[in-house]
Amino acid sequence: ALLQRKGSWGGADVQLFTSLCHQEHSLEGTVAQAKAAYGAASEALEGAHGELLRAIRERYSAETLWSDKIRRASTWWTAGLMALHLVSFLSVYLVMEPIKAQRLRNHVEEVLRDELVGVRQTVASLQSTLESHVASDGAAATAAQAAAAVMTAAAAA
């Protein structure tokens, strides 16, 4: 509206036009500064984003390397533990079991010897009792001697 009546301007209108031109000029400078600040901020954002992506890639690479190292070490530890288990298993069955079997065999033989001595003593006692009874009875002497021979043969076996 001010420009449409340019021919009838007064002092206040000229001053208003001048202040509006000055305000427009200062606003254009402010807009240019804001655009420059926006451009700088946008570039800084892109740079920071690129730096973030680079840091993420580095961290991922480092974690992947550590993961591979841990996995490799875990594989070796597992293989070592399996070998240790195999050695202990074999030592038990190749060393300890034969020793244990020998001890058991010796114990069983000792028990059987003791029992055999007891059986022989019992047979000898029975044989002497039988002979004493046979001596008193002459007719059954032959049958008793045959029975004694059978018992002696059984005890010897």
Protein backbone atom coordinates (compact mmCIF):
# COMPACT_ATOMS: atom_id res chain seq x y z
CA ALA A 1 0.00 0.00 0.00
CA LEU A 2 2.92 2.35 0.70
CA LEU A 3 4.36 1.83 -2.77
CA GLN A 4 0.95 2.43 -4.50
CA ARG A 5 0.77 5.92 -3.12
CA LYS A 6 4.46 6.74 -3.75
CA GLY A 7 3.64 10.06 -5.33
CA SER A 8 1.87 11.37 -2.22
CA TRP A 9 4.49 10.42 0.36
CA GLY A 10 5.22 12.65 3.20
CA GLY A 11 8.22 12.76 5.54
CA ALA A 12 6.88 10.02 7.77
CA ASP A 13 6.24 7.77 4.77
CA VAL A 14 9.81 8.25 3.50
CA GLN A 15 11.13 7.49 6.93
CA LEU A 16 8.88 4.41 7.14
CA PHE A 17 10.07 3.25 3.69
CA THR A 18 13.68 3.75 4.71
CA SER A 19 13.22 1.81 7.95
CA LEU A 20 11.43 -0.97 6.05
CA CYS A 21 14.29 -1.17 3.49
CA HIS A 22 16.83 -1.15 6.30
CA GLN A 23 14.85 -3.89 8.14
CA GLU A 24 14.58 -5.96 4.91
CA HIS A 25 18.31 -5.61 4.33
CA SER A 26 19.14 -6.70 7.92
CA LEU A 27 16.69 -9.62 7.68
CA GLU A 28 18.30 -10.77 4.42
CA GLY A 29 21.67 -10.73 6.19
CA THR A 30 20.20 -12.68 9.09
CA VAL A 31 18.70 -15.22 6.66
CA ALA A 32 22.08 -15.57 4.91
CA GLN A 33 23.79 -16.07 8.27
CA ALA A 34 21.15 -18.64 9.27
CA LYS A 35 21.64 -20.47 5.94
CA ALA A 36 25.41 -20.46 6.45
CA ALA A 37 24.97 -21.71 10.04
CA TYR A 38 22.57 -24.39 8.79
CA GLY A 39 25.06 -25.47 6.12
CA ALA A 40 27.89 -25.59 8.68
CA ALA A 41 25.71 -27.50 11.14
CA SER A 42 24.64 -29.90 8.39
CA GLU A 43 28.29 -30.51 7.44
CA ALA A 44 29.21 -30.99 11.10
CA LEU A 45 26.33 -33.45 11.45
CA GLU A 46 27.49 -35.43 8.41
CA GLY A 47 31.06 -35.42 9.74
CA ALA A 48 29.92 -36.58 13.18
CA HIS A 49 27.72 -39.26 11.59
CA GLY A 50 30.65 -40.48 9.49
CA GLU A 51 32.88 -40.51 12.60
CA LEU A 52 30.21 -42.47 14.49
CA LEU A 53 29.97 -45.04 11.70
CA ARG A 54 33.78 -45.36 11.60
CA ALA A 55 33.88 -45.86 15.39
CA ILE A 56 31.11 -48.49 15.15
CA ARG A 57 33.02 -50.33 12.39
CA GLU A 58 36.23 -50.25 14.44
CA ARG A 59 34.45 -51.53 17.54
CA TYR A 60 32.72 -54.27 15.55
CA SER A 61 36.06 -55.32 14.04
CA ALA A 62 37.72 -55.38 17.47
CA GLU A 63 34.86 -57.37 18.99
CA THR A 64 34.94 -59.80 16.07
CA LEU A 65 38.68 -60.32 16.56
CA TRP A 66 38.23 -60.93 20.30
CA SER A 67 35.33 -63.25 19.63
CA ASP A 68 37.46 -65.27 17.22
CA LYS A 69 40.33 -65.40 19.72
CA ILE A 70 38.01 -66.54 22.50
CA ARG A 71 36.40 -69.13 20.25
CA ARG A 72 39.83 -70.43 19.20
CA ALA A 73 41.03 -70.58 22.82
CA SER A 74 37.80 -72.26 23.85
CA THR A 75 38.32 -74.90 21.17
CA TRP A 76 41.85 -75.62 22.42
CA TRP A 77 40.72 -75.74 26.06
CA THR A 78 37.93 -78.12 25.15
CA ALA A 79 40.34 -80.35 23.23
CA GLY A 80 42.78 -80.24 26.16
CA LEU A 81 40.10 -81.18 28.66
CA MET A 82 38.96 -84.03 26.42
CA ALA A 83 42.56 -85.29 26.20
CA LEU A 84 42.92 -85.04 29.98
CA HIS A 85 39.69 -86.97 30.41
CA LEU A 86 40.90 -89.64 27.97
CA VAL A 87 44.22 -89.97 29.80
CA SER A 88 42.49 -90.30 33.17
CA PHE A 89 40.05 -92.83 31.70
CA LEU A 90 42.85 -94.92 30.23
CA SER A 91 44.93 -94.71 33.40
CA VAL A 92 42.01 -96.01 35.44
CA TYR A 93 41.37 -98.93 33.13
CA LEU A 94 44.97 -99.75 32.26
CA VAL A 95 46.60 -99.17 35.67
CA MET A 96 44.07 -99.06 38.48
CA GLU A 97 41.72 -101.83 37.34
CA PRO A 98 44.46 -104.50 37.04
CA ILE A 99 45.75 -103.55 40.51
CA LYS A 100 42.24 -103.76 41.91
CA ALA A 101 41.60 -107.11 40.18
CA GLN A 102 44.90 -108.52 41.56
CA ARG A 103 43.97 -107.46 45.10
CA LEU A 104 40.54 -109.04 44.73
CA ARG A 105 42.05 -112.23 43.30
CA ASN A 106 44.57 -112.45 46.17
CA HIS A 107 41.82 -111.90 48.75
CA VAL A 108 39.59 -114.59 47.20
CA GLU A 109 42.51 -117.05 47.06
CA GLU A 110 43.31 -116.36 50.72
CA VAL A 111 39.71 -116.90 51.77
CA LEU A 112 39.54 -120.13 49.74
CA ARG A 113 42.82 -121.40 51.31
CA ASP A 114 41.48 -120.70 54.79
CA GLU A 115 38.24 -122.52 53.96
CA LEU A 116 40.17 -125.46 52.46
CA VAL A 117 42.29 -125.76 55.61
CA GLY A 118 39.10 -125.78 57.66
CA VAL A 119 37.52 -128.42 55.42
CA ARG A 120 40.66 -130.62 55.62
CA GLN A 121 40.67 -130.37 59.41
CA THR A 122 37.01 -131.32 59.52
CA VAL A 123 37.62 -134.27 57.18
CA ALA A 124 40.60 -135.40 59.29
CA SER A 125 38.50 -135.15 62.43
CA LEU A 126 35.68 -137.11 60.84
CA GLN A 127 38.14 -139.67 59.51
CA SER A 128 39.71 -140.21 62.94
CA THR A 129 36.25 -140.51 64.50
CA LEU A 130 35.26 -143.00 61.83
CA GLU A 131 38.43 -145.04 62.33
CA SER A 132 37.86 -145.17 66.06
CA HIS A 133 34.31 -146.41 65.51
CA VAL A 134 35.50 -148.89 62.88
CA ALA A 135 38.18 -150.29 65.13
CA SER A 136 35.50 -151.21 67.61
CA ASP A 137 33.48 -152.79 64.86
CA GLY A 138 35.53 -155.26 62.75
CA ALA A 139 32.95 -156.13 60.11
CA ALA A 140 32.32 -152.59 58.99
CA ALA A 141 36.05 -151.87 58.76
CA THR A 142 36.22 -152.51 55.08
CA ALA A 143 33.29 -150.23 54.27
CA ALA A 144 34.69 -147.50 56.50
CA GLN A 145 38.11 -147.66 54.89
CA ALA A 146 36.48 -147.28 51.47
CA ALA A 147 34.46 -144.29 52.72
CA ALA A 148 37.59 -142.75 54.26
CA ALA A 149 39.45 -143.15 50.98
CA VAL A 150 36.60 -141.44 49.12
CA MET A 151 36.56 -138.55 51.64
CA THR A 152 40.33 -138.17 51.44
CA ALA A 153 40.16 -138.04 47.66
CA ALA A 154 37.36 -135.46 47.84
CA ALA A 155 39.32 -133.32 50.30
CA ALA A 156 42.43 -133.48 48.12
CA ALA A 157 40.45 -132.29 45.11
